Amino acid sequence: SCAGAARLAGRTAAGAPCAATGEDSNDGVGDEMRAEAQGEASAALLDRLSRASRRALGSIALGASAAAAVVLATAGGAHAVTDEDLLFLEAWRAIDRGYVDKTFNGVSWFQYRQDALKSPPATREQTYDAIRKMLAQLGDPFTRFLTPEAYATIMSGNTGSVSGVGLEVTFKDDEVQQGDAGDEAGSGDVAKTQAKIVGGNTAGEGVLTVVAPVAGGPAARAGIESGDRITAIGGQPTAGLSLYEIAQALQGAPGSTVSVRVLKPAGGKEMDVSVERQVITLEPVRSALCGPEVTTKRGERVGYISLSTFNSKSAPNFDAALAELREQGARAFVIDLRNNSGGLFPAAVQIADSLMPRGVVVYISDSAGVKDIYEAEDAGDMPDKGGEKMQEPIVLLVNRGTASASEVLAGALKDNKRALVLGEGTFGKGLIQSLVPLSDGSAVAVTVARYQTPALKDINKVGIKPDKWLPTALKDVLAEGPEKVCSVLEQTGSAEGMFEGAPRKFDAADPFDELDDLDMEMAAL
């Protein structure tokens, strides 16, 4: 539930979309939608008939019996409520009920349904195309149709394991820094795939490049390394494919094999590598205690934590890494969200709660205004945890590949002056989707709400601006792992400068500060 997924401090408005959690919270909704769709299909089918045909039919009952099959006899033949009609109407109803923009981008939503059913689809693929065409009317790239295979991939990514070759990949242009806003930075075979499927299924720009192989995984054992280019999978060129299509090609049954064509950097030759798939356990958190030479100006030793995605393991693994680093002596922390394209919303809220003594994490709003307020639990109300939360200084690393749930966390820490944000402006995805399963195993990802940061800033298509630029030496150091980041910090001595200006006193965001200042100025006049 919404309250169970994150701490709401009793401030959830009635009727707020539980789907804002990003989880599948639509138990029973599919059956209810299908029953309604059957009734709607029966009514819509009448619209296909001529007036003369309707008179010939006489009286037709369209009540509860429509839940079975409705056959309408006409002079031209029989018209039945088909499974294709019902599936289309399930998707239509999911948008009608949940979509954040009740103007539906200026489309008469009821009329669109009526018009679409005048030319009903005959095959499942035609139905899928009709649903895609319908969703395209909204002009929202994040409200998308998911085939059964795509939906299954998303759900497996959320649980923390998947059967594949163990590669994290991104589209990278040699002329552009990794994670550029034009790229679909993310994982093709690992957990972040799910965020990119929801966000879009368009072809990526640039060259498909390995960010990192899973340590000890099939790809690593086959000799595939960070920085390698992948030009073909199973004989199919990767140029023009989306990350979802790449994920589908890399994933498969455990024990099966796939051919991956690899181009080594620096003038290497292409070679085909046969990789055996296996179940990969996805580890979203990597951490390291940097050497004793890596300290702040106050002499505080630095711990580094990388968060690559938000799945069901992210929050508990983050808390464990944080506790371990503190026990080892870390007194300042670098948290790396670069190229983290999002994932499960509650995981981001839970991590923000771990890092904030109190205050608003995020506001959730729809077309009617603010519906939910997610707040960090006040440390003073936590006797079971000693009434304390970590208060050490934090530097947060972001880039243009930081999106969605990552921006929830970044916005919470920045607006509440809990962390100093370094890097580039973030991607700017301030919309929240709910996955609504359909009766054939497919689903629609529906934008149900938008979020605002604790300072009531809408970052959609804008992103979060960093407080400072990231030191040049660290810009391309991500795929090599935490130890490499710590090594660069030691070699360059940049840790001291990074933590200069990092907040050391929590200051909860007040979205009305600017209004108060304006009132004072007017009073002075």
Protein backbone atom coordinates (compact mmCIF):
# COMPACT_ATOMS: atom_id res chain seq x y z
CA SER A 1 0.00 0.00 0.00
CA CYS A 2 1.00 3.66 -0.25
CA ALA A 3 1.42 4.01 3.50
CA GLY A 4 3.35 0.77 3.74
CA ALA A 5 5.72 1.57 0.91
CA ALA A 6 6.92 4.84 2.40
CA ARG A 7 6.32 6.95 5.46
CA LEU A 8 3.48 9.38 4.83
CA ALA A 9 3.08 10.85 8.33
CA GLY A 10 -0.68 10.57 7.93
CA ARG A 11 -0.92 13.12 5.16
CA THR A 12 -2.25 11.12 2.22
CA ALA A 13 -5.36 12.71 0.74
CA ALA A 14 -8.45 10.60 0.07
CA GLY A 15 -8.44 9.08 -3.35
CA ALA A 16 -4.72 9.56 -3.87
CA PRO A 17 -3.26 7.18 -6.45
CA CYS A 18 -1.44 4.34 -4.72
CA ALA A 19 0.14 3.84 -8.11
CA ALA A 20 2.41 6.74 -7.32
CA THR A 21 4.62 4.20 -5.61
CA GLY A 22 5.54 2.86 -9.03
CA GLU A 23 4.59 -0.65 -7.98
CA ASP A 24 1.84 -2.83 -9.35
CA SER A 25 -0.93 -1.86 -6.95
CA ASN A 26 -3.87 -2.71 -9.20
CA ASP A 27 -4.99 -6.03 -7.73
CA GLY A 28 -8.44 -6.83 -9.05
CA VAL A 29 -8.57 -3.74 -11.21
CA GLY A 30 -7.94 -5.70 -14.40
CA ASP A 31 -10.97 -7.94 -13.86
CA GLU A 32 -13.16 -4.97 -13.01
CA MET A 33 -11.99 -3.09 -16.07
CA ARG A 34 -12.60 -6.12 -18.24
CA ALA A 35 -16.18 -6.46 -16.99
CA GLU A 36 -16.83 -2.78 -17.69
CA ALA A 37 -15.14 -3.09 -21.06
CA GLN A 38 -17.48 -5.90 -22.02
CA GLY A 39 -20.50 -3.73 -21.32
CA GLU A 40 -18.95 -0.80 -23.16
CA ALA A 41 -18.06 -3.00 -26.12
CA SER A 42 -21.65 -4.13 -26.41
CA ALA A 43 -22.89 -0.56 -26.44
CA ALA A 44 -20.23 0.53 -28.88
CA LEU A 45 -21.05 -2.30 -31.25
CA LEU A 46 -24.55 -0.91 -31.66
CA ASP A 47 -22.96 2.15 -33.11
CA ARG A 48 -21.64 0.05 -35.97
CA LEU A 49 -25.12 -0.89 -37.08
CA SER A 50 -27.25 1.13 -39.43
CA ARG A 51 -30.53 2.50 -38.13
CA ALA A 52 -32.39 0.04 -40.35
CA SER A 53 -30.45 -2.82 -38.88
CA ARG A 54 -31.21 -1.60 -35.38
CA ARG A 55 -34.94 -1.57 -36.13
CA ALA A 56 -34.67 -5.11 -37.49
CA LEU A 57 -32.97 -6.24 -34.33
CA GLY A 58 -35.78 -4.98 -32.16
CA SER A 59 -35.01 -4.97 -28.51
CA ILE A 60 -31.55 -6.09 -27.42
CA ALA A 61 -30.70 -6.46 -23.75
CA LEU A 62 -27.27 -5.16 -22.86
CA GLY A 63 -27.04 -5.82 -19.15
CA ALA A 64 -25.07 -8.30 -17.10
CA SER A 65 -25.35 -10.92 -19.84
CA ALA A 66 -22.85 -8.86 -21.84
CA ALA A 67 -20.17 -10.27 -19.57
CA ALA A 68 -20.33 -13.42 -21.68
CA ALA A 69 -20.36 -12.89 -25.46
CA VAL A 70 -22.75 -10.61 -27.30
CA VAL A 71 -23.67 -11.47 -30.87
CA LEU A 72 -25.59 -8.95 -32.92
CA ALA A 73 -27.27 -10.31 -36.04
CA THR A 74 -27.52 -7.91 -38.97
CA ALA A 75 -28.30 -8.13 -42.62
CA GLY A 76 -24.57 -8.03 -43.30
CA GLY A 77 -23.64 -10.81 -40.87
CA ALA A 78 -22.87 -11.21 -37.18
CA HIS A 79 -20.93 -8.76 -35.01
CA ALA A 80 -19.58 -10.20 -31.77
CA VAL A 81 -17.84 -8.70 -28.78
CA THR A 82 -14.43 -10.16 -29.41
CA ASP A 83 -11.45 -10.54 -27.12
CA GLU A 84 -9.74 -7.89 -29.24
CA ASP A 85 -12.55 -5.40 -28.50
CA LEU A 86 -12.32 -6.13 -24.80
CA LEU A 87 -8.54 -5.80 -24.63
CA PHE A 88 -8.66 -2.44 -26.40
CA LEU A 89 -11.33 -1.20 -24.01
CA GLU A 90 -9.35 -2.35 -20.98
CA ALA A 91 -6.51 -0.11 -22.11
CA TRP A 92 -8.91 2.74 -22.88
CA ARG A 93 -10.43 2.48 -19.41
CA ALA A 94 -7.01 2.46 -17.73
CA ILE A 95 -6.29 5.85 -19.30
CA ASP A 96 -9.79 7.16 -18.66
CA ARG A 97 -9.51 6.38 -14.97
CA GLY A 98 -5.93 7.15 -14.12
CA TYR A 99 -4.35 9.60 -16.57
CA VAL A 100 -3.09 12.77 -14.91
CA ASP A 101 -4.34 15.13 -17.62
CA LYS A 102 -8.12 14.99 -17.67
CA THR A 103 -8.22 17.01 -20.88
CA PHE A 104 -6.43 14.05 -22.51
CA ASN A 105 -4.26 16.42 -24.52
CA GLY A 106 -7.35 17.99 -26.06
CA VAL A 107 -8.71 14.65 -27.32
CA SER A 108 -12.39 13.80 -26.76
CA TRP A 109 -11.62 10.53 -25.00
CA PHE A 110 -15.13 9.07 -25.12
CA GLN A 111 -15.55 9.95 -28.79
CA TYR A 112 -12.17 8.42 -29.60
CA ARG A 113 -13.33 5.13 -28.12
CA GLN A 114 -16.54 5.20 -30.12
CA ASP A 115 -14.76 5.98 -33.37
CA ALA A 116 -12.07 3.33 -32.81
CA LEU A 117 -14.61 0.58 -32.25
CA LYS A 118 -16.31 1.30 -35.56
CA SER A 119 -13.30 -0.39 -37.18
CA PRO A 120 -12.47 -3.13 -34.68
CA PRO A 121 -9.13 -4.96 -34.78
CA ALA A 122 -9.18 -8.54 -36.05
CA THR A 123 -5.89 -9.86 -34.69
CA ARG A 124 -3.91 -9.44 -31.49
CA GLU A 125 -1.16 -7.50 -33.27
CA GLN A 126 -3.76 -5.15 -34.73
CA THR A 127 -5.15 -4.62 -31.23
CA TYR A 128 -1.69 -3.78 -29.93
CA ASP A 129 -1.24 -1.31 -32.79
CA ALA A 130 -4.64 0.25 -32.03
CA ILE A 131 -3.67 0.69 -28.37
CA ARG A 132 -0.34 2.24 -29.32
CA LYS A 133 -2.10 4.63 -31.71
CA MET A 134 -4.58 5.58 -28.98
CA LEU A 135 -1.83 6.30 -26.43
CA ALA A 136 0.07 8.37 -28.99
CA GLN A 137 -2.85 10.84 -28.99
CA LEU A 138 -1.81 11.90 -25.48
CA GLY A 139 1.58 13.20 -26.60
CA ASP A 140 3.15 11.65 -23.50
CA PRO A 141 6.22 9.47 -24.20
CA PHE A 142 5.97 7.89 -20.75
CA THR A 143 2.41 6.58 -21.18
CA ARG A 144 3.13 3.50 -23.24
CA PHE A 145 1.91 0.06 -24.17
CA LEU A 146 3.95 -2.93 -22.99
CA THR A 147 3.76 -6.32 -24.66
CA PRO A 148 3.60 -9.35 -22.35
CA GLU A 149 7.35 -9.82 -22.84
CA ALA A 150 8.14 -6.19 -22.00
CA TYR A 151 5.92 -6.27 -18.91
CA ALA A 152 7.57 -9.48 -17.70
CA THR A 153 11.00 -7.88 -18.16
CA ILE A 154 10.00 -4.90 -16.02
CA MET A 155 8.64 -7.06 -13.23
CA SER A 156 11.72 -9.29 -13.18
CA GLY A 157 13.96 -6.22 -12.99
CA ASN A 158 12.02 -4.94 -9.97
CA THR A 159 12.50 -8.16 -8.03
CA GLY A 160 16.29 -8.03 -8.25
CA SER A 161 17.12 -10.93 -10.55
CA VAL A 162 16.94 -11.72 -14.25
CA SER A 163 18.24 -14.41 -16.60
CA GLY A 164 20.76 -12.92 -18.99
CA VAL A 165 24.44 -12.35 -19.69
CA GLY A 166 25.17 -9.80 -16.96
CA LEU A 167 25.90 -6.55 -18.79
CA GLU A 168 25.15 -2.93 -17.97
CA VAL A 169 25.17 -0.96 -21.21
CA THR A 170 24.48 2.54 -22.49
CA PHE A 171 24.34 4.37 -25.81
CA LYS A 172 27.46 6.51 -26.03
CA ASP A 173 28.62 8.92 -28.68
CA ASP A 174 32.40 9.22 -28.76
CA GLU A 175 31.93 12.97 -29.16
CA VAL A 176 29.56 13.26 -26.18
CA GLN A 177 30.10 12.52 -22.52
CA GLN A 178 28.40 9.36 -21.30
CA GLY A 179 24.95 10.04 -19.88
CA ASP A 180 24.16 12.93 -22.21
CA ALA A 181 20.48 13.86 -22.23
CA GLY A 182 20.11 12.68 -25.82
CA ASP A 183 21.23 9.16 -24.93
CA GLU A 184 19.16 6.47 -23.31
CA ALA A 185 21.68 5.97 -20.52
CA GLY A 186 20.78 2.86 -18.60
CA SER A 187 21.10 -0.87 -18.46
CA GLY A 188 20.24 -3.18 -21.32
CA ASP A 189 20.27 -6.44 -19.40
CA VAL A 190 20.35 -5.38 -15.79
CA ALA A 191 17.84 -3.74 -13.48
CA LYS A 192 17.70 -0.27 -14.99
CA THR A 193 16.16 -1.74 -18.14
CA GLN A 194 12.73 -1.54 -16.52
CA ALA A 195 12.93 2.21 -16.05
CA LYS A 196 13.82 2.75 -19.68
CA ILE A 197 11.01 0.53 -20.94
CA VAL A 198 8.50 2.64 -19.05
CA GLY A 199 10.21 5.84 -20.13
CA GLY A 200 10.41 5.03 -23.82
CA ASN A 201 11.07 2.45 -26.45
CA THR A 202 12.71 4.59 -29.07
CA ALA A 203 15.99 3.73 -30.71
CA GLY A 204 19.06 4.92 -28.86
CA GLU A 205 21.59 7.35 -30.31
CA GLY A 206 25.29 6.60 -30.44
CA VAL A 207 27.21 3.36 -30.04
CA LEU A 208 26.05 0.63 -27.67
CA THR A 209 28.81 0.60 -25.06
CA VAL A 210 29.45 -1.61 -22.03
CA VAL A 211 29.30 0.40 -18.80
CA ALA A 212 30.22 -2.60 -16.66
CA PRO A 213 29.86 -6.39 -16.72
CA VAL A 214 28.43 -8.01 -13.60
CA ALA A 215 31.41 -9.23 -11.59
CA GLY A 216 31.83 -12.96 -12.13
CA GLY A 217 28.90 -13.05 -14.56
CA PRO A 218 28.74 -14.78 -17.96
CA ALA A 219 29.83 -11.73 -19.97
CA ALA A 220 32.77 -11.03 -17.65
CA ARG A 221 33.91 -14.65 -17.89
CA ALA A 222 33.69 -14.41 -21.69
CA GLY A 223 36.12 -11.50 -21.67
CA ILE A 224 33.70 -8.61 -22.26
CA GLU A 225 34.99 -5.48 -20.50
CA SER A 226 33.96 -1.94 -19.64
CA GLY A 227 34.27 0.31 -22.68
CA ASP A 228 33.73 -2.47 -25.23
CA ARG A 229 31.31 -1.68 -28.07
CA ILE A 230 28.56 -4.17 -28.89
CA THR A 231 27.74 -4.02 -32.58
CA ALA A 232 25.46 -7.07 -32.93
CA ILE A 233 23.52 -9.52 -30.76
CA GLY A 234 22.49 -12.87 -32.18
CA GLY A 235 23.57 -11.67 -35.62
CA GLN A 236 21.31 -8.58 -35.49
CA PRO A 237 23.05 -5.17 -35.61
CA THR A 238 22.41 -3.08 -32.50
CA ALA A 239 22.26 0.19 -34.46
CA GLY A 240 18.70 1.53 -34.36
CA LEU A 241 17.56 -0.75 -31.53
CA SER A 242 16.05 0.52 -28.27
CA LEU A 243 17.39 -0.55 -24.90
CA TYR A 244 14.28 -2.69 -24.42
CA GLU A 245 14.96 -4.55 -27.67
CA ILE A 246 18.57 -5.00 -26.61
CA ALA A 247 17.45 -6.32 -23.23
CA GLN A 248 15.14 -8.80 -24.94
CA ALA A 249 17.98 -10.03 -27.13
CA LEU A 250 20.41 -10.45 -24.23
CA GLN A 251 17.95 -12.13 -21.89
CA GLY A 252 16.76 -15.70 -22.26
CA ALA A 253 16.42 -19.07 -20.56
CA PRO A 254 19.24 -20.07 -18.20
CA GLY A 255 21.72 -22.33 -20.03
CA SER A 256 20.91 -20.94 -23.49
CA THR A 257 23.60 -19.10 -25.44
CA VAL A 258 23.70 -15.88 -27.41
CA SER A 259 26.34 -14.55 -29.79
CA VAL A 260 27.59 -11.05 -28.96
CA ARG A 261 29.77 -9.18 -31.46
CA VAL A 262 32.26 -7.06 -29.54
CA LEU A 263 34.51 -4.26 -30.77
CA LYS A 264 37.39 -3.49 -28.46
CA PRO A 265 38.26 0.22 -28.08
CA ALA A 266 41.41 1.83 -29.40
CA GLY A 267 41.37 0.23 -32.84
CA GLY A 268 40.59 -3.32 -31.77
CA LYS A 269 39.03 -5.89 -34.09
CA GLU A 270 35.46 -7.12 -33.97
CA MET A 271 34.95 -10.60 -32.60
CA ASP A 272 31.96 -12.81 -31.96
CA VAL A 273 31.71 -14.09 -28.39
CA SER A 274 29.32 -16.89 -27.38
CA VAL A 275 27.88 -16.18 -23.92
CA GLU A 276 25.83 -18.65 -21.86
CA ARG A 277 22.93 -17.01 -20.03
CA GLN A 278 22.36 -17.56 -16.32
CA VAL A 279 20.25 -16.10 -13.53
CA ILE A 280 21.87 -12.80 -12.54
CA THR A 281 21.38 -11.35 -9.09
CA LEU A 282 21.16 -7.62 -9.48
CA GLU A 283 23.11 -5.61 -6.94
CA PRO A 284 22.06 -1.95 -7.15
CA VAL A 285 24.49 -0.76 -4.45
CA ARG A 286 28.30 -0.74 -4.57
CA SER A 287 30.43 0.89 -1.92
CA ALA A 288 33.97 1.37 -0.65
CA LEU A 289 35.81 3.11 2.16
CA CYS A 290 38.36 5.36 0.50
CA GLY A 291 41.95 5.34 1.71
CA PRO A 292 43.07 7.31 4.76
CA GLU A 293 44.48 10.01 2.47
CA VAL A 294 40.99 10.80 1.10
CA THR A 295 39.51 13.22 3.63
CA THR A 296 37.62 16.50 3.88
CA LYS A 297 39.38 19.65 5.04
CA ARG A 298 38.27 18.71 8.54
CA GLY A 299 40.05 15.39 8.28
CA GLU A 300 36.85 13.33 7.93
CA ARG A 301 37.40 10.06 6.09
CA VAL A 302 35.26 9.57 2.97
CA GLY A 303 32.98 6.65 2.11
CA TYR A 304 31.65 6.15 -1.43
CA ILE A 305 28.28 4.59 -2.34
CA SER A 306 27.04 4.06 -5.92
CA LEU A 307 23.31 3.54 -6.58
CA SER A 308 22.74 2.20 -10.11
CA THR A 309 18.96 1.71 -9.89
CA PHE A 310 16.02 1.58 -7.49
CA ASN A 311 14.62 -1.93 -7.10
CA SER A 312 13.41 -3.99 -4.14
CA LYS A 313 16.99 -4.43 -2.91
CA SER A 314 18.10 -0.81 -3.12
CA ALA A 315 16.94 0.58 0.23
CA PRO A 316 18.03 -2.31 2.49
CA ASN A 317 21.35 -2.68 0.66
CA PHE A 318 21.98 1.07 0.89
CA ASP A 319 21.28 1.10 4.63
CA ALA A 320 23.62 -1.86 5.09
CA ALA A 321 26.41 -0.21 3.09
CA LEU A 322 25.96 3.04 5.00
CA ALA A 323 26.14 1.28 8.37
CA GLU A 324 29.22 -0.69 7.35
CA LEU A 325 31.09 2.38 6.12
CA ARG A 326 30.28 4.30 9.30
CA GLU A 327 31.51 1.38 11.36
CA GLN A 328 34.75 1.38 9.34
CA GLY A 329 35.29 5.04 10.15
CA ALA A 330 33.70 7.01 7.30
CA ARG A 331 32.52 10.44 8.46
CA ALA A 332 31.66 11.99 5.09
CA PHE A 333 29.90 10.38 2.13
CA VAL A 334 29.87 10.59 -1.65
CA ILE A 335 26.60 9.17 -3.04
CA ASP A 336 26.73 8.58 -6.80
CA LEU A 337 23.47 8.74 -8.78
CA ARG A 338 25.05 9.26 -12.20
CA ASN A 339 23.29 7.31 -14.98
CA ASN A 340 20.72 6.04 -12.46
CA SER A 341 17.60 6.29 -14.60
CA GLY A 342 15.18 5.50 -11.78
CA GLY A 343 13.08 2.51 -10.82
CA LEU A 344 10.81 1.95 -7.87
CA PHE A 345 9.58 5.19 -6.34
CA PRO A 346 9.29 3.86 -2.73
CA ALA A 347 12.94 2.82 -2.72
CA ALA A 348 14.00 6.41 -3.38
CA VAL A 349 11.68 7.70 -0.64
CA GLN A 350 13.01 5.13 1.84
CA ILE A 351 16.63 6.11 1.16
CA ALA A 352 15.78 9.80 1.53
CA ASP A 353 14.16 8.94 4.86
CA SER A 354 17.39 7.27 6.00
CA LEU A 355 19.40 10.42 5.23
CA MET A 356 17.00 13.11 6.51
CA PRO A 357 16.16 13.69 10.18
CA ARG A 358 12.75 15.06 9.19
CA GLY A 359 11.03 17.10 6.49
CA VAL A 360 9.18 16.66 3.20
CA VAL A 361 10.70 14.23 0.71
CA VAL A 362 8.36 14.87 -2.22
CA TYR A 363 4.91 16.19 -3.10
CA ILE A 364 2.68 14.16 -5.42
CA SER A 365 0.09 16.08 -7.42
CA ASP A 366 -2.41 15.49 -10.18
CA SER A 367 -4.61 17.79 -12.22
CA ALA A 368 -6.53 18.75 -9.06
CA GLY A 369 -3.43 19.74 -7.07
CA VAL A 370 -1.30 18.17 -4.33
CA LYS A 371 -2.64 14.77 -3.30
CA ASP A 372 0.16 13.16 -1.27
CA ILE A 373 2.95 14.45 0.92
CA TYR A 374 5.78 12.00 1.58
CA GLU A 375 7.78 12.94 4.66
CA ALA A 376 10.84 11.60 6.42
CA GLU A 377 10.07 10.15 9.81
CA ASP A 378 11.20 12.51 12.56
CA ALA A 379 14.31 11.11 14.21
CA GLY A 380 12.91 12.09 17.60
CA ASP A 381 9.98 9.73 17.06
CA MET A 382 12.24 6.71 16.52
CA PRO A 383 13.12 5.31 19.96
CA ASP A 384 13.68 1.89 18.42
CA LYS A 385 16.58 3.43 16.44
CA GLY A 386 17.99 5.45 19.28
CA GLY A 387 16.25 8.60 18.11
CA GLU A 388 19.10 9.39 15.70
CA LYS A 389 19.83 9.37 11.98
CA MET A 390 23.14 9.91 10.24
CA GLN A 391 24.15 13.56 10.14
CA GLU A 392 27.51 13.35 8.35
CA PRO A 393 28.07 15.65 5.31
CA ILE A 394 26.97 14.30 1.92
CA VAL A 395 28.07 15.08 -1.63
CA LEU A 396 25.64 13.84 -4.28
CA LEU A 397 26.87 13.17 -7.83
CA VAL A 398 24.41 13.56 -10.72
CA ASN A 399 24.45 13.89 -14.50
CA ARG A 400 21.98 14.04 -17.37
CA GLY A 401 21.42 10.30 -17.01
CA THR A 402 20.03 10.87 -13.49
CA ALA A 403 16.27 10.59 -13.89
CA SER A 404 12.90 9.87 -12.32
CA ALA A 405 13.21 8.26 -8.86
CA SER A 406 16.83 9.44 -8.73
CA GLU A 407 15.58 13.00 -9.09
CA VAL A 408 13.15 12.45 -6.21
CA LEU A 409 16.12 11.61 -3.97
CA ALA A 410 18.30 14.41 -5.37
CA GLY A 411 15.53 16.99 -5.01
CA ALA A 412 14.81 15.96 -1.42
CA LEU A 413 18.45 16.21 -0.34
CA LYS A 414 19.11 19.45 -2.22
CA ASP A 415 16.00 21.38 -1.18
CA ASN A 416 16.35 20.35 2.47
CA LYS A 417 20.03 21.37 2.41
CA ARG A 418 21.04 17.86 3.34
CA ALA A 419 23.57 17.38 0.52
CA LEU A 420 25.75 19.34 -1.87
CA VAL A 421 24.87 18.35 -5.46
CA LEU A 422 27.74 18.11 -7.95
CA GLY A 423 27.72 17.34 -11.67
CA GLU A 424 25.37 18.25 -14.52
CA GLY A 425 21.71 19.17 -14.67
CA THR A 426 19.58 16.04 -14.35
CA PHE A 427 17.29 14.54 -16.99
CA GLY A 428 14.01 16.18 -15.90
CA LYS A 429 11.42 13.41 -15.57
CA GLY A 430 8.90 14.63 -13.01
CA LEU A 431 6.11 12.24 -13.92
CA ILE A 432 5.00 9.08 -12.16
CA GLN A 433 3.62 6.03 -13.95
CA SER A 434 1.45 3.17 -12.79
CA LEU A 435 1.67 -0.20 -14.51
CA VAL A 436 -1.84 -1.47 -15.24
CA PRO A 437 -1.83 -5.15 -16.30
CA LEU A 438 -4.23 -6.22 -19.02
CA SER A 439 -5.95 -9.58 -19.27
CA ASP A 440 -3.58 -11.12 -21.85
CA GLY A 441 -0.40 -10.42 -19.85
CA SER A 442 0.37 -7.10 -21.54
CA ALA A 443 0.13 -3.79 -19.70
CA VAL A 444 -0.09 -0.05 -20.08
CA ALA A 445 2.20 2.35 -18.25
CA VAL A 446 -0.02 5.29 -17.35
CA THR A 447 1.18 8.68 -16.14
CA VAL A 448 -0.98 9.07 -13.03
CA ALA A 449 0.68 12.00 -11.29
CA ARG A 450 3.57 14.42 -11.28
CA TYR A 451 5.87 15.19 -8.42
CA GLN A 452 7.31 18.38 -7.02
CA THR A 453 10.41 18.76 -4.90
CA PRO A 454 10.13 19.89 -1.26
CA ALA A 455 10.49 23.51 -2.46
CA LEU A 456 7.43 22.90 -4.69
CA LYS A 457 9.53 22.96 -7.88
CA ASP A 458 8.20 21.10 -10.91
CA ILE A 459 11.33 19.65 -12.52
CA ASN A 460 9.65 17.91 -15.47
CA LYS A 461 11.60 18.70 -18.66
CA VAL A 462 13.77 21.01 -16.55
CA GLY A 463 15.77 18.80 -14.21
CA ILE A 464 17.67 19.63 -11.03
CA LYS A 465 20.55 22.07 -11.27
CA PRO A 466 23.72 21.09 -9.42
CA ASP A 467 25.30 23.34 -6.80
CA LYS A 468 28.76 22.92 -8.35
CA TRP A 469 30.44 21.24 -11.30
CA LEU A 470 32.02 17.85 -10.80
CA PRO A 471 35.84 17.76 -10.79
CA THR A 472 37.01 16.94 -14.31
CA ALA A 473 38.97 13.89 -13.18
CA LEU A 474 35.79 12.22 -11.96
CA LYS A 475 33.56 12.87 -14.98
CA ASP A 476 34.35 9.62 -16.79
CA VAL A 477 35.03 7.48 -13.72
CA LEU A 478 31.94 5.43 -13.04
CA ALA A 479 32.02 2.05 -14.75
CA GLU A 480 35.32 1.03 -13.15
CA GLY A 481 33.72 0.77 -9.73
CA PRO A 482 34.03 2.33 -6.25
CA GLU A 483 37.71 1.48 -5.81
CA LYS A 484 38.58 3.41 -9.00
CA VAL A 485 36.61 6.44 -7.81
CA CYS A 486 38.44 6.36 -4.48
CA SER A 487 41.74 6.01 -6.32
CA VAL A 488 41.04 9.12 -8.42
CA LEU A 489 40.03 11.07 -5.32
CA GLU A 490 43.31 10.08 -3.70
CA GLN A 491 45.45 10.88 -6.76
CA THR A 492 43.87 14.29 -7.38
CA GLY A 493 43.24 15.30 -3.79
CA SER A 494 39.84 16.59 -4.93
CA ALA A 495 37.84 15.34 -1.94
CA GLU A 496 38.63 18.46 0.09
CA GLY A 497 37.26 20.75 -2.61
CA MET A 498 34.22 18.56 -3.24
CA PHE A 499 33.04 18.81 0.35
CA GLU A 500 33.66 22.55 0.60
CA GLY A 501 30.22 24.05 1.12
CA ALA A 502 28.53 20.72 1.94
CA PRO A 503 25.70 21.37 4.44
CA ARG A 504 26.49 20.40 8.02
CA LYS A 505 23.25 21.57 9.56
CA PHE A 506 19.89 20.23 8.37
CA ASP A 507 17.52 22.95 7.14
CA ALA A 508 14.10 21.62 6.12
CA ALA A 509 12.74 23.22 2.96
CA ASP A 510 10.01 25.83 3.32
CA PRO A 511 8.25 26.29 -0.03
CA PHE A 512 6.66 29.50 1.25
CA ASP A 513 9.93 31.28 2.08
CA GLU A 514 9.78 33.33 -1.13
CA LEU A 515 6.17 34.34 -0.44
CA ASP A 516 7.10 35.42 3.10
CA ASP A 517 9.93 37.57 1.73
CA LEU A 518 7.55 39.17 -0.75
CA ASP A 519 5.03 39.93 2.00
CA MET A 520 7.76 41.65 4.03
CA GLU A 521 8.80 43.76 1.04
CA MET A 522 5.20 44.84 0.40
CA ALA A 523 4.73 45.70 4.07
CA ALA A 524 7.84 47.88 3.91
CA LEU A 525 6.29 49.81 1.05
